[in-house]
Amino acid sequence: MDFIVLEQGIDTTTPGGRLVFHFLAAMAEHDRELIRRAGSPSGAGSPDCRTS
């Protein structure tokens, strides 16, 4: 299945388009994980969520 977004120039029929699509999916997964951790009892202040 191919996915083409004309307005953003994402075309999964090309290697570059697949790369962009995978990157956006990874960013969404990362955001979802941060939201999940912020709602957990340990909260966002847990050692594994802190940045240096």
PDB file of N, CA and C in Angstrom:
ATOM      1  N   MET A   1       0.848  -1.159   0.000  1.00  0.00           N
ATOM      2  CA  MET A   1       0.000   0.000   0.000  1.00  0.00           C
ATOM      3  C   MET A   1       0.902   1.233   0.000  1.00  0.00           C
ATOM      4  N   ASP A   2       0.579   2.173  -0.847  1.00  0.00           N
ATOM      5  CA  ASP A   2       1.343   3.410  -0.925  1.00  0.00           C
ATOM      6  C   ASP A   2       0.550   4.540  -0.292  1.00  0.00           C
ATOM      7  N   PHE A   3       1.276   5.483   0.273  1.00  0.00           N
ATOM      8  CA  PHE A   3       0.665   6.623   0.943  1.00  0.00           C
ATOM      9  C   PHE A   3       1.323   7.875   0.402  1.00  0.00           C
ATOM     10  N   ILE A   4       0.529   8.771  -0.159  1.00  0.00           N
ATOM     11  CA  ILE A   4       1.070  10.008  -0.731  1.00  0.00           C
ATOM     12  C   ILE A   4       0.306  11.184  -0.139  1.00  0.00           C
ATOM     13  N   VAL A   5       1.054  12.113   0.472  1.00  0.00           N
ATOM     14  CA  VAL A   5       0.474  13.353   1.002  1.00  0.00           C
ATOM     15  C   VAL A   5       0.988  14.473   0.113  1.00  0.00           C
ATOM     16  N   LEU A   6       0.127  15.039  -0.664  1.00  0.00           N
ATOM     17  CA  LEU A   6       0.546  16.043  -1.631  1.00  0.00           C
ATOM     18  C   LEU A   6       1.001  17.339  -0.969  1.00  0.00           C
ATOM     19  N   GLU A   7       0.310  17.766   0.082  1.00  0.00           N
ATOM     20  CA  GLU A   7       0.628  19.050   0.713  1.00  0.00           C
ATOM     21  C   GLU A   7       1.951  19.041   1.460  1.00  0.00           C
ATOM     22  N   GLN A   8       2.361  17.896   2.033  1.00  0.00           N
ATOM     23  CA  GLN A   8       3.614  17.807   2.775  1.00  0.00           C
ATOM     24  C   GLN A   8       4.727  17.144   1.979  1.00  0.00           C
ATOM     25  N   GLY A   9       4.437  16.644   0.818  1.00  0.00           N
ATOM     26  CA  GLY A   9       5.455  16.014  -0.005  1.00  0.00           C
ATOM     27  C   GLY A   9       5.916  14.659   0.505  1.00  0.00           C
ATOM     28  N   ILE A  10       5.057  13.944   1.209  1.00  0.00           N
ATOM     29  CA  ILE A  10       5.398  12.605   1.694  1.00  0.00           C
ATOM     30  C   ILE A  10       4.864  11.589   0.689  1.00  0.00           C
ATOM     31  N   ASP A  11       5.750  10.772   0.166  1.00  0.00           N
ATOM     32  CA  ASP A  11       5.388   9.774  -0.836  1.00  0.00           C
ATOM     33  C   ASP A  11       6.088   8.473  -0.470  1.00  0.00           C
ATOM     34  N   THR A  12       5.346   7.512   0.043  1.00  0.00           N
ATOM     35  CA  THR A  12       5.962   6.262   0.516  1.00  0.00           C
ATOM     36  C   THR A  12       6.339   5.319  -0.624  1.00  0.00           C
ATOM     37  N   THR A  13       6.183   5.776  -1.846  1.00  0.00           N
ATOM     38  CA  THR A  13       6.648   4.945  -2.961  1.00  0.00           C
ATOM     39  C   THR A  13       8.138   5.162  -3.211  1.00  0.00           C
ATOM     40  N   THR A  14       8.741   6.142  -2.526  1.00  0.00           N
ATOM     41  CA  THR A  14      10.175   6.410  -2.671  1.00  0.00           C
ATOM     42  C   THR A  14      10.886   6.095  -1.354  1.00  0.00           C
ATOM     43  N   PRO A  15      12.171   5.778  -1.401  1.00  0.00           N
ATOM     44  CA  PRO A  15      12.912   5.516  -0.165  1.00  0.00           C
ATOM     45  C   PRO A  15      12.910   6.720   0.782  1.00  0.00           C
ATOM     46  N   GLY A  16      13.061   7.925   0.246  1.00  0.00           N
ATOM     47  CA  GLY A  16      13.050   9.127   1.078  1.00  0.00           C
ATOM     48  C   GLY A  16      11.708   9.351   1.741  1.00  0.00           C
ATOM     49  N   GLY A  17      10.645   9.083   1.017  1.00  0.00           N
ATOM     50  CA  GLY A  17       9.301   9.230   1.576  1.00  0.00           C
ATOM     51  C   GLY A  17       9.042   8.231   2.690  1.00  0.00           C
ATOM     52  N   ARG A  18       9.519   7.010   2.506  1.00  0.00           N
ATOM     53  CA  ARG A  18       9.376   6.002   3.567  1.00  0.00           C
ATOM     54  C   ARG A  18      10.173   6.399   4.797  1.00  0.00           C
ATOM     55  N   LEU A  19      11.366   6.985   4.584  1.00  0.00           N
ATOM     56  CA  LEU A  19      12.178   7.444   5.706  1.00  0.00           C
ATOM     57  C   LEU A  19      11.448   8.520   6.501  1.00  0.00           C
ATOM     58  N   VAL A  20      10.879   9.494   5.817  1.00  0.00           N
ATOM     59  CA  VAL A  20      10.132  10.563   6.492  1.00  0.00           C
ATOM     60  C   VAL A  20       8.951   9.974   7.247  1.00  0.00           C
ATOM     61  N   PHE A  21       8.237   9.061   6.618  1.00  0.00           N
ATOM     62  CA  PHE A  21       7.065   8.449   7.251  1.00  0.00           C
ATOM     63  C   PHE A  21       7.469   7.691   8.515  1.00  0.00           C
ATOM     64  N   HIS A  22       8.557   6.936   8.464  1.00  0.00           N
ATOM     65  CA  HIS A  22       9.029   6.194   9.631  1.00  0.00           C
ATOM     66  C   HIS A  22       9.503   7.145  10.730  1.00  0.00           C
ATOM     67  N   PHE A  23      10.155   8.231  10.341  1.00  0.00           N
ATOM     68  CA  PHE A  23      10.603   9.213  11.314  1.00  0.00           C
ATOM     69  C   PHE A  23       9.415   9.838  12.040  1.00  0.00           C
ATOM     70  N   LEU A  24       8.386  10.215  11.300  1.00  0.00           N
ATOM     71  CA  LEU A  24       7.191  10.799  11.923  1.00  0.00           C
ATOM     72  C   LEU A  24       6.507   9.794  12.851  1.00  0.00           C
ATOM     73  N   ALA A  25       6.479   8.538  12.449  1.00  0.00           N
ATOM     74  CA  ALA A  25       5.884   7.504  13.299  1.00  0.00           C
ATOM     75  C   ALA A  25       6.695   7.313  14.572  1.00  0.00           C
ATOM     76  N   ALA A  26       8.026   7.360  14.463  1.00  0.00           N
ATOM     77  CA  ALA A  26       8.884   7.223  15.643  1.00  0.00           C
ATOM     78  C   ALA A  26       8.695   8.398  16.589  1.00  0.00           C
ATOM     79  N   MET A  27       8.561   9.596  16.053  1.00  0.00           N
ATOM     80  CA  MET A  27       8.333  10.784  16.890  1.00  0.00           C
ATOM     81  C   MET A  27       6.987  10.681  17.614  1.00  0.00           C
ATOM     82  N   ALA A  28       5.968  10.191  16.927  1.00  0.00           N
ATOM     83  CA  ALA A  28       4.660  10.023  17.554  1.00  0.00           C
ATOM     84  C   ALA A  28       4.728   8.987  18.671  1.00  0.00           C
ATOM     85  N   GLU A  29       5.457   7.906  18.450  1.00  0.00           N
ATOM     86  CA  GLU A  29       5.621   6.884  19.479  1.00  0.00           C
ATOM     87  C   GLU A  29       6.365   7.450  20.685  1.00  0.00           C
ATOM     88  N   HIS A  30       7.380   8.262  20.434  1.00  0.00           N
ATOM     89  CA  HIS A  30       8.146   8.897  21.512  1.00  0.00           C
ATOM     90  C   HIS A  30       7.239   9.827  22.333  1.00  0.00           C
ATOM     91  N   ASP A  31       6.464  10.653  21.660  1.00  0.00           N
ATOM     92  CA  ASP A  31       5.547  11.551  22.364  1.00  0.00           C
ATOM     93  C   ASP A  31       4.542  10.766  23.205  1.00  0.00           C
ATOM     94  N   ARG A  32       4.014   9.695  22.636  1.00  0.00           N
ATOM     95  CA  ARG A  32       3.047   8.874  23.357  1.00  0.00           C
ATOM     96  C   ARG A  32       3.671   8.278  24.616  1.00  0.00           C
ATOM     97  N   GLU A  33       4.926   7.845  24.514  1.00  0.00           N
ATOM     98  CA  GLU A  33       5.623   7.277  25.670  1.00  0.00           C
ATOM     99  C   GLU A  33       5.855   8.341  26.745  1.00  0.00           C
ATOM    100  N   LEU A  34       6.222   9.552  26.333  1.00  0.00           N
ATOM    101  CA  LEU A  34       6.407  10.631  27.311  1.00  0.00           C
ATOM    102  C   LEU A  34       5.107  10.955  28.034  1.00  0.00           C
ATOM    103  N   ILE A  35       4.020  10.982  27.302  1.00  0.00           N
ATOM    104  CA  ILE A  35       2.712  11.247  27.908  1.00  0.00           C
ATOM    105  C   ILE A  35       2.348  10.127  28.867  1.00  0.00           C
ATOM    106  N   ARG A  36       2.613   8.872  28.466  1.00  0.00           N
ATOM    107  CA  ARG A  36       2.298   7.735  29.330  1.00  0.00           C
ATOM    108  C   ARG A  36       3.105   7.801  30.618  1.00  0.00           C
ATOM    109  N   ARG A  37       4.389   8.127  30.512  1.00  0.00           N
ATOM    110  CA  ARG A  37       5.239   8.206  31.699  1.00  0.00           C
ATOM    111  C   ARG A  37       4.841   9.363  32.599  1.00  0.00           C
ATOM    112  N   ALA A  38       4.427  10.469  32.026  1.00  0.00           N
ATOM    113  CA  ALA A  38       4.022  11.626  32.834  1.00  0.00           C
ATOM    114  C   ALA A  38       2.782  11.298  33.656  1.00  0.00           C
ATOM    115  N   GLY A  39       1.948  10.399  33.162  1.00  0.00           N
ATOM    116  CA  GLY A  39       0.749  10.016  33.879  1.00  0.00           C
ATOM    117  C   GLY A  39       0.950   8.859  34.832  1.00  0.00           C
ATOM    118  N   SER A  40       2.154   8.268  34.851  1.00  0.00           N
ATOM    119  CA  SER A  40       2.404   7.125  35.716  1.00  0.00           C
ATOM    120  C   SER A  40       2.662   7.597  37.148  1.00  0.00           C
ATOM    121  N   PRO A  41       2.527   6.721  38.128  1.00  0.00           N
ATOM    122  CA  PRO A  41       2.751   7.110  39.525  1.00  0.00           C
ATOM    123  C   PRO A  41       4.142   7.686  39.782  1.00  0.00           C
ATOM    124  N   SER A  42       5.157   7.227  39.039  1.00  0.00           N
ATOM    125  CA  SER A  42       6.492   7.766  39.241  1.00  0.00           C
ATOM    126  C   SER A  42       6.620   9.158  38.655  1.00  0.00           C
ATOM    127  N   GLY A  43       5.745   9.483  37.686  1.00  0.00           N
ATOM    128  CA  GLY A  43       5.717  10.814  37.108  1.00  0.00           C
ATOM    129  C   GLY A  43       6.898  11.114  36.195  1.00  0.00           C
ATOM    130  N   ALA A  44       6.905  12.314  35.682  1.00  0.00           N
ATOM    131  CA  ALA A  44       7.945  12.718  34.751  1.00  0.00           C
ATOM    132  C   ALA A  44       9.276  12.949  35.436  1.00  0.00           C
ATOM    133  N   GLY A  45       9.291  12.982  36.739  1.00  0.00           N
ATOM    134  CA  GLY A  45      10.525  13.220  37.471  1.00  0.00           C
ATOM    135  C   GLY A  45      11.337  11.969  37.725  1.00  0.00           C
ATOM    136  N   SER A  46      10.904  10.832  37.168  1.00  0.00           N
ATOM    137  CA  SER A  46      11.654   9.611  37.390  1.00  0.00           C
ATOM    138  C   SER A  46      13.007   9.708  36.690  1.00  0.00           C
ATOM    139  N   PRO A  47      14.027   9.040  37.190  1.00  0.00           N
ATOM    140  CA  PRO A  47      15.387   9.181  36.648  1.00  0.00           C
ATOM    141  C   PRO A  47      15.503   8.907  35.161  1.00  0.00           C
ATOM    142  N   ASP A  48      14.688   7.975  34.644  1.00  0.00           N
ATOM    143  CA  ASP A  48      14.819   7.636  33.236  1.00  0.00           C
ATOM    144  C   ASP A  48      14.163   8.673  32.317  1.00  0.00           C
ATOM    145  N   CYS A  49      13.469   9.652  32.868  1.00  0.00           N
ATOM    146  CA  CYS A  49      12.837  10.683  32.044  1.00  0.00           C
ATOM    147  C   CYS A  49      13.614  11.996  32.088  1.00  0.00           C
ATOM    148  N   ARG A  50      14.573  12.117  32.965  1.00  0.00           N
ATOM    149  CA  ARG A  50      15.305  13.371  33.085  1.00  0.00           C
ATOM    150  C   ARG A  50      16.331  13.503  31.970  1.00  0.00           C
ATOM    151  N   THR A  51      16.542  14.732  31.548  1.00  0.00           N
ATOM    152  CA  THR A  51      17.584  14.998  30.563  1.00  0.00           C
ATOM    153  C   THR A  51      18.750  15.673  31.241  1.00  0.00           C
ATOM    154  N   SER A  52      19.919  15.546  30.651  1.00  0.00           N
ATOM    155  CA  SER A  52      21.100  16.153  31.273  1.00  0.00           C
ATOM    156  C   SER A  52      21.286  17.582  30.817  1.00  0.00           C
TER     157      SER A  52
END
